[in-house]
Amino acid sequence: MMLLFTRGLVVTVLVLGSLNACLASRILVVAPTYATSHFRMVQPLIEELIKSGHELTVVSFYPRVQPHPNYTDIDLRPVKQPYTLDFEAWSLLNDIYELFEFSSSGCDEIFGSEPVQNLLKSGSKFDAIILEAFACDAILGFPAFYKAPFIAFSPMALPAWIADWVWNPTDSSYIPDQMCRSVEANSMYERMFRSGCQFISRLANWWLNTRPSINIVKKHFRLNLESLEDIKSNVSLIFENSLPGLSGIRPRLPNVIPIGGIHLKPQKPIPNVSSVVQ
């Protein structure tokens, strides 16, 4: 029941809050990360919007299996070899570096690729944009290019550098941080560790992600931007892939909505199978 309520809430907010409720809207979805778990988070939203009659253009590595008249794929599979994050059990600095390195390497190649450039040159117009907020600030070139309102989805419990888009609280003394591998901070050491981890992740985000992303936007979107901060602050909503039982309790602003488990389908009844005890 809770899952159905969450789905209904998400779709209602999408349709009534950002889109024209009277006419079918044209929506662009940008999910440039080669990770099934990331795409499965946004896939239920895509399906519900299609059922509502909206036209979707989806940029991803996961083209639709069954064609749909309201669904246009921008297939990224031919662009580059899949990028994988080789997270190590106790190598936090290496994990942070690999995460943000994706911005300067992967996004530069993806957004400069033929499929994406053909989309940008096609003259298409969109009423709203749904994009992945992860480790690629250059993705903000899409709402800037199309001058459309946009919604972001975070494939993990809201990390500090994404929470900063809307100034959502990230006080390290009591708020969990999935990137820092912490759910509770009971000791002074744990709180100091989380504070240091958040500082390092924010610094790495700026140096390896935000800073080079400005040049990527200038090059591939042909926009003369000196900063991406104004675009970040214009995000209408952020959907967060989190559940309190797994990610801990945290404060959220009204425009930060947890939708963890949205990919789960309603449970099927257990078949009535009788067993015979020998």
C-alpha atoms as a PDB file:
ATOM      1  CA  MET A   1       0.000   0.000   0.000  1.00  0.00           C
ATOM      2  CA  MET A   2       2.824   2.393   0.877  1.00  0.00           C
ATOM      3  CA  LEU A   3       4.552   1.602  -2.413  1.00  0.00           C
ATOM      4  CA  LEU A   4       1.422   2.403  -4.415  1.00  0.00           C
ATOM      5  CA  PHE A   5       0.989   5.643  -2.494  1.00  0.00           C
ATOM      6  CA  THR A   6       4.599   6.617  -3.230  1.00  0.00           C
ATOM      7  CA  ARG A   7       4.165   5.921  -6.929  1.00  0.00           C
ATOM      8  CA  GLY A   8       0.966   7.927  -7.043  1.00  0.00           C
ATOM      9  CA  LEU A   9       2.576  10.813  -5.180  1.00  0.00           C
ATOM     10  CA  VAL A  10       5.578  10.911  -7.490  1.00  0.00           C
ATOM     11  CA  VAL A  11       3.531  10.877 -10.677  1.00  0.00           C
ATOM     12  CA  THR A  12       1.081  13.445  -9.307  1.00  0.00           C
ATOM     13  CA  VAL A  13       3.901  15.802  -8.359  1.00  0.00           C
ATOM     14  CA  LEU A  14       5.512  15.315 -11.762  1.00  0.00           C
ATOM     15  CA  VAL A  15       2.368  15.918 -13.748  1.00  0.00           C
ATOM     16  CA  LEU A  16       0.727  18.653 -11.675  1.00  0.00           C
ATOM     17  CA  GLY A  17       3.800  20.411 -10.348  1.00  0.00           C
ATOM     18  CA  SER A  18       5.961  20.748 -13.413  1.00  0.00           C
ATOM     19  CA  LEU A  19       3.986  19.778 -16.472  1.00  0.00           C
ATOM     20  CA  ASN A  20       0.913  20.980 -18.293  1.00  0.00           C
ATOM     21  CA  ALA A  21      -1.892  18.899 -16.825  1.00  0.00           C
ATOM     22  CA  CYS A  22      -4.259  19.525 -19.740  1.00  0.00           C
ATOM     23  CA  LEU A  23      -2.027  18.582 -22.687  1.00  0.00           C
ATOM     24  CA  ALA A  24       0.496  15.835 -23.277  1.00  0.00           C
ATOM     25  CA  SER A  25       3.978  17.115 -22.519  1.00  0.00           C
ATOM     26  CA  ARG A  26       7.293  16.404 -24.187  1.00  0.00           C
ATOM     27  CA  ILE A  27       9.782  15.222 -21.579  1.00  0.00           C
ATOM     28  CA  LEU A  28      13.499  14.566 -21.899  1.00  0.00           C
ATOM     29  CA  VAL A  29      15.072  11.991 -19.556  1.00  0.00           C
ATOM     30  CA  VAL A  30      18.882  11.940 -19.302  1.00  0.00           C
ATOM     31  CA  ALA A  31      20.448   8.952 -17.519  1.00  0.00           C
ATOM     32  CA  PRO A  32      24.063   8.746 -18.763  1.00  0.00           C
ATOM     33  CA  THR A  33      25.465   6.323 -16.176  1.00  0.00           C
ATOM     34  CA  TYR A  34      26.027   2.714 -17.241  1.00  0.00           C
ATOM     35  CA  ALA A  35      24.491   1.180 -14.118  1.00  0.00           C
ATOM     36  CA  THR A  36      21.336  -0.916 -14.139  1.00  0.00           C
ATOM     37  CA  SER A  37      20.454   0.077 -10.573  1.00  0.00           C
ATOM     38  CA  HIS A  38      20.489   3.762 -11.538  1.00  0.00           C
ATOM     39  CA  PHE A  39      18.201   3.327 -14.530  1.00  0.00           C
ATOM     40  CA  ARG A  40      15.769   1.040 -12.699  1.00  0.00           C
ATOM     41  CA  MET A  41      15.088   3.866 -10.280  1.00  0.00           C
ATOM     42  CA  VAL A  42      13.805   6.207 -12.983  1.00  0.00           C
ATOM     43  CA  GLN A  43      12.230   3.532 -15.186  1.00  0.00           C
ATOM     44  CA  PRO A  44       8.921   3.343 -13.228  1.00  0.00           C
ATOM     45  CA  LEU A  45       8.541   7.113 -13.601  1.00  0.00           C
ATOM     46  CA  ILE A  46       9.081   6.781 -17.343  1.00  0.00           C
ATOM     47  CA  GLU A  47       6.482   4.036 -17.643  1.00  0.00           C
ATOM     48  CA  GLU A  48       3.873   5.939 -15.647  1.00  0.00           C
ATOM     49  CA  LEU A  49       4.406   9.078 -17.717  1.00  0.00           C
ATOM     50  CA  ILE A  50       4.003   7.114 -20.938  1.00  0.00           C
ATOM     51  CA  LYS A  51       0.744   5.641 -19.633  1.00  0.00           C
ATOM     52  CA  SER A  52      -0.424   9.191 -18.902  1.00  0.00           C
ATOM     53  CA  GLY A  53       0.033  10.089 -22.569  1.00  0.00           C
ATOM     54  CA  HIS A  54       3.252  12.115 -22.384  1.00  0.00           C
ATOM     55  CA  GLU A  55       5.944  11.878 -25.047  1.00  0.00           C
ATOM     56  CA  LEU A  56       9.354  10.872 -23.741  1.00  0.00           C
ATOM     57  CA  THR A  57      12.835  11.046 -25.218  1.00  0.00           C
ATOM     58  CA  VAL A  58      15.260   8.998 -23.131  1.00  0.00           C
ATOM     59  CA  VAL A  59      19.058   9.272 -23.270  1.00  0.00           C
ATOM     60  CA  SER A  60      20.515   6.119 -21.708  1.00  0.00           C
ATOM     61  CA  PHE A  61      22.434   2.878 -22.142  1.00  0.00           C
ATOM     62  CA  TYR A  62      19.187   0.912 -21.758  1.00  0.00           C
ATOM     63  CA  PRO A  63      16.939   1.184 -24.832  1.00  0.00           C
ATOM     64  CA  ARG A  64      13.371   0.055 -24.517  1.00  0.00           C
ATOM     65  CA  VAL A  65      12.823  -3.626 -25.360  1.00  0.00           C
ATOM     66  CA  GLN A  66       9.337  -3.109 -26.784  1.00  0.00           C
ATOM     67  CA  PRO A  67       8.907  -0.002 -28.970  1.00  0.00           C
ATOM     68  CA  HIS A  68       6.260   2.526 -27.978  1.00  0.00           C
ATOM     69  CA  PRO A  69       4.892   5.382 -30.120  1.00  0.00           C
ATOM     70  CA  ASN A  70       5.427   7.873 -27.278  1.00  0.00           C
ATOM     71  CA  TYR A  71       8.975   6.732 -26.525  1.00  0.00           C
ATOM     72  CA  THR A  72      12.127   7.763 -28.394  1.00  0.00           C
ATOM     73  CA  ASP A  73      15.464   6.185 -27.487  1.00  0.00           C
ATOM     74  CA  ILE A  74      18.791   8.000 -27.700  1.00  0.00           C
ATOM     75  CA  ASP A  75      20.909   4.859 -27.409  1.00  0.00           C
ATOM     76  CA  LEU A  76      24.319   5.416 -25.789  1.00  0.00           C
ATOM     77  CA  ARG A  77      25.553   1.833 -26.103  1.00  0.00           C
ATOM     78  CA  PRO A  78      27.730   2.493 -29.197  1.00  0.00           C
ATOM     79  CA  VAL A  79      29.336   5.566 -27.606  1.00  0.00           C
ATOM     80  CA  LYS A  80      31.961   4.085 -25.293  1.00  0.00           C
ATOM     81  CA  GLN A  81      32.897   1.077 -23.268  1.00  0.00           C
ATOM     82  CA  PRO A  82      30.773   0.789 -20.102  1.00  0.00           C
ATOM     83  CA  TYR A  83      32.278   2.732 -17.234  1.00  0.00           C
ATOM     84  CA  THR A  84      32.482   0.767 -13.998  1.00  0.00           C
ATOM     85  CA  LEU A  85      33.280   1.915 -10.490  1.00  0.00           C
ATOM     86  CA  ASP A  86      35.720  -0.459  -8.818  1.00  0.00           C
ATOM     87  CA  PHE A  87      34.808   0.308  -5.222  1.00  0.00           C
ATOM     88  CA  GLU A  88      37.194  -1.217  -2.716  1.00  0.00           C
ATOM     89  CA  ALA A  89      36.197  -2.201   0.788  1.00  0.00           C
ATOM     90  CA  TRP A  90      38.411   0.258   2.696  1.00  0.00           C
ATOM     91  CA  SER A  91      39.742   2.604   0.036  1.00  0.00           C
ATOM     92  CA  LEU A  92      37.508   5.627   0.548  1.00  0.00           C
ATOM     93  CA  LEU A  93      39.786   8.180  -1.122  1.00  0.00           C
ATOM     94  CA  ASN A  94      40.137   5.933  -4.168  1.00  0.00           C
ATOM     95  CA  ASP A  95      36.375   5.491  -4.331  1.00  0.00           C
ATOM     96  CA  ILE A  96      35.769   9.255  -4.230  1.00  0.00           C
ATOM     97  CA  TYR A  97      38.396   9.848  -6.907  1.00  0.00           C
ATOM     98  CA  GLU A  98      36.963   7.172  -9.226  1.00  0.00           C
ATOM     99  CA  LEU A  99      33.435   8.471  -8.715  1.00  0.00           C
ATOM    100  CA  PHE A 100      34.183  12.012  -9.830  1.00  0.00           C
ATOM    101  CA  GLU A 101      36.678  11.014 -12.491  1.00  0.00           C
ATOM    102  CA  PHE A 102      33.603   9.836 -14.412  1.00  0.00           C
ATOM    103  CA  SER A 103      32.623  13.458 -14.923  1.00  0.00           C
ATOM    104  CA  SER A 104      35.710  14.546 -16.846  1.00  0.00           C
ATOM    105  CA  SER A 105      36.117  11.300 -18.810  1.00  0.00           C
ATOM    106  CA  GLY A 106      32.704   9.718 -19.357  1.00  0.00           C
ATOM    107  CA  CYS A 107      30.470  12.771 -19.660  1.00  0.00           C
ATOM    108  CA  ASP A 108      32.827  14.561 -22.017  1.00  0.00           C
ATOM    109  CA  GLU A 109      32.708  11.619 -24.403  1.00  0.00           C
ATOM    110  CA  ILE A 110      28.991  10.929 -24.005  1.00  0.00           C
ATOM    111  CA  PHE A 111      27.772  14.496 -24.519  1.00  0.00           C
ATOM    112  CA  GLY A 112      30.112  14.975 -27.460  1.00  0.00           C
ATOM    113  CA  SER A 113      28.931  11.747 -29.108  1.00  0.00           C
ATOM    114  CA  GLU A 114      26.946  11.605 -32.321  1.00  0.00           C
ATOM    115  CA  PRO A 115      23.609  10.500 -30.743  1.00  0.00           C
ATOM    116  CA  VAL A 116      23.595  13.361 -28.217  1.00  0.00           C
ATOM    117  CA  GLN A 117      24.851  15.960 -30.688  1.00  0.00           C
ATOM    118  CA  ASN A 118      22.178  14.923 -33.195  1.00  0.00           C
ATOM    119  CA  LEU A 119      19.576  15.445 -30.466  1.00  0.00           C
ATOM    120  CA  LEU A 120      20.915  18.910 -29.624  1.00  0.00           C
ATOM    121  CA  LYS A 121      20.967  19.903 -33.310  1.00  0.00           C
ATOM    122  CA  SER A 122      17.527  18.482 -34.075  1.00  0.00           C
ATOM    123  CA  GLY A 123      15.659  21.563 -32.917  1.00  0.00           C
ATOM    124  CA  SER A 124      13.533  19.507 -30.513  1.00  0.00           C
ATOM    125  CA  LYS A 125      11.719  21.337 -27.730  1.00  0.00           C
ATOM    126  CA  PHE A 126      10.867  19.907 -24.317  1.00  0.00           C
ATOM    127  CA  ASP A 127       8.409  20.989 -21.637  1.00  0.00           C
ATOM    128  CA  ALA A 128      10.368  19.373 -18.798  1.00  0.00           C
ATOM    129  CA  ILE A 129      13.583  17.462 -18.178  1.00  0.00           C
ATOM    130  CA  ILE A 130      14.351  14.627 -15.759  1.00  0.00           C
ATOM    131  CA  LEU A 131      18.076  14.116 -15.213  1.00  0.00           C
ATOM    132  CA  GLU A 132      20.385  12.041 -13.072  1.00  0.00           C
ATOM    133  CA  ALA A 133      22.168  13.890 -10.254  1.00  0.00           C
ATOM    134  CA  PHE A 134      25.203  11.800  -9.481  1.00  0.00           C
ATOM    135  CA  ALA A 135      28.762  12.777 -10.415  1.00  0.00           C
ATOM    136  CA  CYS A 136      28.339  14.657 -13.678  1.00  0.00           C
ATOM    137  CA  ASP A 137      27.451  18.345 -13.329  1.00  0.00           C
ATOM    138  CA  ALA A 138      27.799  18.726 -17.109  1.00  0.00           C
ATOM    139  CA  ILE A 139      24.346  17.149 -17.334  1.00  0.00           C
ATOM    140  CA  LEU A 140      23.026  20.563 -16.265  1.00  0.00           C
ATOM    141  CA  GLY A 141      23.762  21.692 -19.803  1.00  0.00           C
ATOM    142  CA  PHE A 142      20.444  20.141 -20.866  1.00  0.00           C
ATOM    143  CA  PRO A 143      18.082  22.397 -18.851  1.00  0.00           C
ATOM    144  CA  ALA A 144      20.289  25.377 -19.732  1.00  0.00           C
ATOM    145  CA  PHE A 145      20.221  24.480 -23.447  1.00  0.00           C
ATOM    146  CA  TYR A 146      16.481  23.783 -23.654  1.00  0.00           C
ATOM    147  CA  LYS A 147      15.486  26.463 -21.113  1.00  0.00           C
ATOM    148  CA  ALA A 148      13.077  24.018 -19.500  1.00  0.00           C
ATOM    149  CA  PRO A 149      12.201  23.240 -15.861  1.00  0.00           C
ATOM    150  CA  PHE A 150      13.908  20.130 -14.591  1.00  0.00           C
ATOM    151  CA  ILE A 151      13.689  17.430 -11.959  1.00  0.00           C
ATOM    152  CA  ALA A 152      16.731  15.537 -10.663  1.00  0.00           C
ATOM    153  CA  PHE A 153      16.928  12.003  -9.337  1.00  0.00           C
ATOM    154  CA  SER A 154      19.703  10.832  -7.055  1.00  0.00           C
ATOM    155  CA  PRO A 155      20.410   7.079  -7.404  1.00  0.00           C
ATOM    156  CA  MET A 156      21.707   6.972  -3.827  1.00  0.00           C
ATOM    157  CA  ALA A 157      20.748   8.486  -0.476  1.00  0.00           C
ATOM    158  CA  LEU A 158      21.285  12.190  -1.036  1.00  0.00           C
ATOM    159  CA  PRO A 159      25.070  12.830  -0.902  1.00  0.00           C
ATOM    160  CA  ALA A 160      26.365  16.122   0.456  1.00  0.00           C
ATOM    161  CA  TRP A 161      27.329  17.578  -2.932  1.00  0.00           C
ATOM    162  CA  ILE A 162      23.795  17.012  -4.317  1.00  0.00           C
ATOM    163  CA  ALA A 163      22.079  18.165  -1.112  1.00  0.00           C
ATOM    164  CA  ASP A 164      23.932  21.447  -1.583  1.00  0.00           C
ATOM    165  CA  TRP A 165      21.905  22.108  -4.755  1.00  0.00           C
ATOM    166  CA  VAL A 166      18.896  23.026  -2.591  1.00  0.00           C
ATOM    167  CA  TRP A 167      20.711  23.578   0.727  1.00  0.00           C
ATOM    168  CA  ASN A 168      19.218  20.467   2.248  1.00  0.00           C
ATOM    169  CA  PRO A 169      20.770  19.944   5.732  1.00  0.00           C
ATOM    170  CA  THR A 170      23.825  17.663   5.869  1.00  0.00           C
ATOM    171  CA  ASP A 171      25.045  18.246   9.428  1.00  0.00           C
ATOM    172  CA  SER A 172      27.662  15.530   9.888  1.00  0.00           C
ATOM    173  CA  SER A 173      27.060  15.295  13.644  1.00  0.00           C
ATOM    174  CA  TYR A 174      23.796  13.409  13.254  1.00  0.00           C
ATOM    175  CA  ILE A 175      22.846  13.010   9.559  1.00  0.00           C
ATOM    176  CA  PRO A 176      23.905   9.743   7.860  1.00  0.00           C
ATOM    177  CA  ASP A 177      26.104   9.841   4.763  1.00  0.00           C
ATOM    178  CA  GLN A 178      26.092   6.827   2.462  1.00  0.00           C
ATOM    179  CA  MET A 179      29.215   7.923   0.591  1.00  0.00           C
ATOM    180  CA  CYS A 180      31.103   8.027   3.890  1.00  0.00           C
ATOM    181  CA  ARG A 181      29.778   4.544   4.719  1.00  0.00           C
ATOM    182  CA  SER A 182      27.989   5.756   7.809  1.00  0.00           C
ATOM    183  CA  VAL A 183      24.442   5.374   9.039  1.00  0.00           C
ATOM    184  CA  GLU A 184      24.964   6.300  12.687  1.00  0.00           C
ATOM    185  CA  ALA A 185      27.516   8.536  14.362  1.00  0.00           C
ATOM    186  CA  ASN A 186      27.555   7.580  18.015  1.00  0.00           C
ATOM    187  CA  SER A 187      31.119   8.503  18.922  1.00  0.00           C
ATOM    188  CA  MET A 188      33.196  11.653  18.564  1.00  0.00           C
ATOM    189  CA  TYR A 189      35.558   9.796  16.228  1.00  0.00           C
ATOM    190  CA  GLU A 190      32.698   8.772  13.916  1.00  0.00           C
ATOM    191  CA  ARG A 191      31.425  12.341  13.752  1.00  0.00           C
ATOM    192  CA  MET A 192      34.886  13.726  13.038  1.00  0.00           C
ATOM    193  CA  PHE A 193      35.424  11.082  10.350  1.00  0.00           C
ATOM    194  CA  ARG A 194      32.137  11.924   8.658  1.00  0.00           C
ATOM    195  CA  SER A 195      32.896  15.661   8.781  1.00  0.00           C
ATOM    196  CA  GLY A 196      36.278  15.049   7.147  1.00  0.00           C
ATOM    197  CA  CYS A 197      34.752  12.720   4.573  1.00  0.00           C
ATOM    198  CA  GLN A 198      32.112  15.268   3.585  1.00  0.00           C
ATOM    199  CA  PHE A 199      34.747  17.986   3.275  1.00  0.00           C
ATOM    200  CA  ILE A 200      36.897  15.791   1.029  1.00  0.00           C
ATOM    201  CA  SER A 201      33.933  14.698  -1.120  1.00  0.00           C
ATOM    202  CA  ARG A 202      32.795  18.300  -1.603  1.00  0.00           C
ATOM    203  CA  LEU A 203      36.333  19.368  -2.514  1.00  0.00           C
ATOM    204  CA  ALA A 204      36.731  16.437  -4.916  1.00  0.00           C
ATOM    205  CA  ASN A 205      33.350  17.194  -6.452  1.00  0.00           C
ATOM    206  CA  TRP A 206      34.361  20.780  -7.159  1.00  0.00           C
ATOM    207  CA  TRP A 207      37.819  19.931  -8.497  1.00  0.00           C
ATOM    208  CA  LEU A 208      37.046  16.774 -10.516  1.00  0.00           C
ATOM    209  CA  ASN A 209      33.406  17.363 -11.425  1.00  0.00           C
ATOM    210  CA  THR A 210      32.059  20.924 -11.261  1.00  0.00           C
ATOM    211  CA  ARG A 211      35.178  22.680 -12.524  1.00  0.00           C
ATOM    212  CA  PRO A 212      35.720  20.566 -15.683  1.00  0.00           C
ATOM    213  CA  SER A 213      31.951  20.336 -16.269  1.00  0.00           C
ATOM    214  CA  ILE A 214      31.814  24.052 -17.055  1.00  0.00           C
ATOM    215  CA  ASN A 215      34.211  23.506 -19.962  1.00  0.00           C
ATOM    216  CA  ILE A 216      32.245  20.440 -21.112  1.00  0.00           C
ATOM    217  CA  VAL A 217      29.036  22.498 -21.213  1.00  0.00           C
ATOM    218  CA  LYS A 218      30.763  25.265 -23.145  1.00  0.00           C
ATOM    219  CA  LYS A 219      32.201  22.812 -25.670  1.00  0.00           C
ATOM    220  CA  HIS A 220      29.303  20.442 -26.331  1.00  0.00           C
ATOM    221  CA  PHE A 221      26.254  22.616 -25.580  1.00  0.00           C
ATOM    222  CA  ARG A 222      27.884  25.770 -26.977  1.00  0.00           C
ATOM    223  CA  LEU A 223      26.734  27.834 -24.006  1.00  0.00           C
ATOM    224  CA  ASN A 224      28.761  30.668 -22.552  1.00  0.00           C
ATOM    225  CA  LEU A 225      28.414  29.837 -18.864  1.00  0.00           C
ATOM    226  CA  GLU A 226      30.880  30.763 -16.144  1.00  0.00           C
ATOM    227  CA  SER A 227      29.097  28.830 -13.386  1.00  0.00           C
ATOM    228  CA  LEU A 228      26.568  26.028 -12.959  1.00  0.00           C
ATOM    229  CA  GLU A 229      25.401  27.068  -9.500  1.00  0.00           C
ATOM    230  CA  ASP A 230      22.416  29.097 -10.705  1.00  0.00           C
ATOM    231  CA  ILE A 231      21.178  26.123 -12.739  1.00  0.00           C
ATOM    232  CA  LYS A 232      21.490  23.795  -9.730  1.00  0.00           C
ATOM    233  CA  SER A 233      19.435  26.111  -7.546  1.00  0.00           C
ATOM    234  CA  ASN A 234      16.625  26.127 -10.134  1.00  0.00           C
ATOM    235  CA  VAL A 235      15.925  22.398  -9.767  1.00  0.00           C
ATOM    236  CA  SER A 236      12.210  21.888  -9.101  1.00  0.00           C
ATOM    237  CA  LEU A 237      12.422  18.553  -7.276  1.00  0.00           C
ATOM    238  CA  ILE A 238      15.001  15.982  -6.263  1.00  0.00           C
ATOM    239  CA  PHE A 239      13.935  12.356  -6.012  1.00  0.00           C
ATOM    240  CA  GLU A 240      16.155  10.418  -3.612  1.00  0.00           C
ATOM    241  CA  ASN A 241      16.738   6.673  -3.708  1.00  0.00           C
ATOM    242  CA  SER A 242      16.567   5.997   0.012  1.00  0.00           C
ATOM    243  CA  LEU A 243      14.578   4.196   2.678  1.00  0.00           C
ATOM    244  CA  PRO A 244      14.740   5.131   6.384  1.00  0.00           C
ATOM    245  CA  GLY A 245      15.458   1.541   7.401  1.00  0.00           C
ATOM    246  CA  LEU A 246      18.547   1.391   5.190  1.00  0.00           C
ATOM    247  CA  SER A 247      19.721   5.000   4.905  1.00  0.00           C
ATOM    248  CA  GLY A 248      18.818   6.296   8.347  1.00  0.00           C
ATOM    249  CA  ILE A 249      16.560   9.143   9.420  1.00  0.00           C
ATOM    250  CA  ARG A 250      17.425  12.536   7.932  1.00  0.00           C
ATOM    251  CA  PRO A 251      15.771  15.943   7.513  1.00  0.00           C
ATOM    252  CA  ARG A 252      14.459  16.790   4.051  1.00  0.00           C
ATOM    253  CA  LEU A 253      13.202  19.963   2.470  1.00  0.00           C
ATOM    254  CA  PRO A 254       9.753  19.751   0.815  1.00  0.00           C
ATOM    255  CA  ASN A 255      11.321  19.457  -2.647  1.00  0.00           C
ATOM    256  CA  VAL A 256      13.459  16.432  -1.685  1.00  0.00           C
ATOM    257  CA  ILE A 257      11.302  13.309  -1.950  1.00  0.00           C
ATOM    258  CA  PRO A 258      12.505   9.785  -1.012  1.00  0.00           C
ATOM    259  CA  ILE A 259      11.260   7.153  -3.471  1.00  0.00           C
ATOM    260  CA  GLY A 260      13.342   4.145  -2.451  1.00  0.00           C
ATOM    261  CA  GLY A 261      11.694   0.911  -3.573  1.00  0.00           C
ATOM    262  CA  ILE A 262       9.765   2.519  -6.410  1.00  0.00           C
ATOM    263  CA  HIS A 263      11.111  -0.161  -8.754  1.00  0.00           C
ATOM    264  CA  LEU A 264       9.398  -2.901  -6.754  1.00  0.00           C
ATOM    265  CA  LYS A 265       6.176  -4.297  -8.150  1.00  0.00           C
ATOM    266  CA  PRO A 266       3.115  -5.201  -6.064  1.00  0.00           C
ATOM    267  CA  GLN A 267       3.564  -8.569  -4.424  1.00  0.00           C
ATOM    268  CA  LYS A 268       1.835 -11.573  -5.898  1.00  0.00           C
ATOM    269  CA  PRO A 269      -0.259 -13.854  -3.684  1.00  0.00           C
ATOM    270  CA  ILE A 270       1.498 -17.001  -2.513  1.00  0.00           C
ATOM    271  CA  PRO A 271       0.132 -19.988  -4.444  1.00  0.00           C
ATOM    272  CA  ASN A 272      -1.971 -22.370  -2.407  1.00  0.00           C
ATOM    273  CA  VAL A 273       0.186 -25.470  -2.625  1.00  0.00           C
ATOM    274  CA  SER A 274      -0.495 -28.261  -0.155  1.00  0.00           C
ATOM    275  CA  SER A 275       2.404 -30.327   1.101  1.00  0.00           C
ATOM    276  CA  VAL A 276       2.210 -33.909   2.207  1.00  0.00           C
ATOM    277  CA  VAL A 277       4.326 -34.896   5.192  1.00  0.00           C
ATOM    278  CA  GLN A 278       5.608 -38.418   4.886  1.00  0.00           C
END
